[in-house]
Amino acid sequence: MKEYKDLELKNRDVLFSHIIEEHEKQINKWGVQSATLAEWMLWTTEEFGELAQAIGDSSYRGYPWKTAYKEAIQTTTLILKIAEMIWIELVT
């Protein structure tokens, strides 16, 4: 199996632009959500499972990596939303 090396977020500009695009898609689809941190974590765990499935499909079944990338961006978007909510708790 191929090993991957930490790229030190050298592609962060394009990655973050995809995260912002995904955030905007989620807002357009669901509106501004209000939920407990536990509920946010449940949604993120669901997305994380979908990411795991997509990585397995790409690694072992030859599926395109595009789906895994999409799931990684969706998962990261939710994790950043949770981090922001916790950060607000820290600074207020």
Foldseek 3Di string as FASTA:
>chain_A
DDDDDDPVCPVVVVLVVLLVVLVVVCCVVPNDDDDDLVVLVVVLVVLVVQLVVLVCCCVPVVDDCPSNSVSVSNSVSSVVVSVVVVVVVVPD
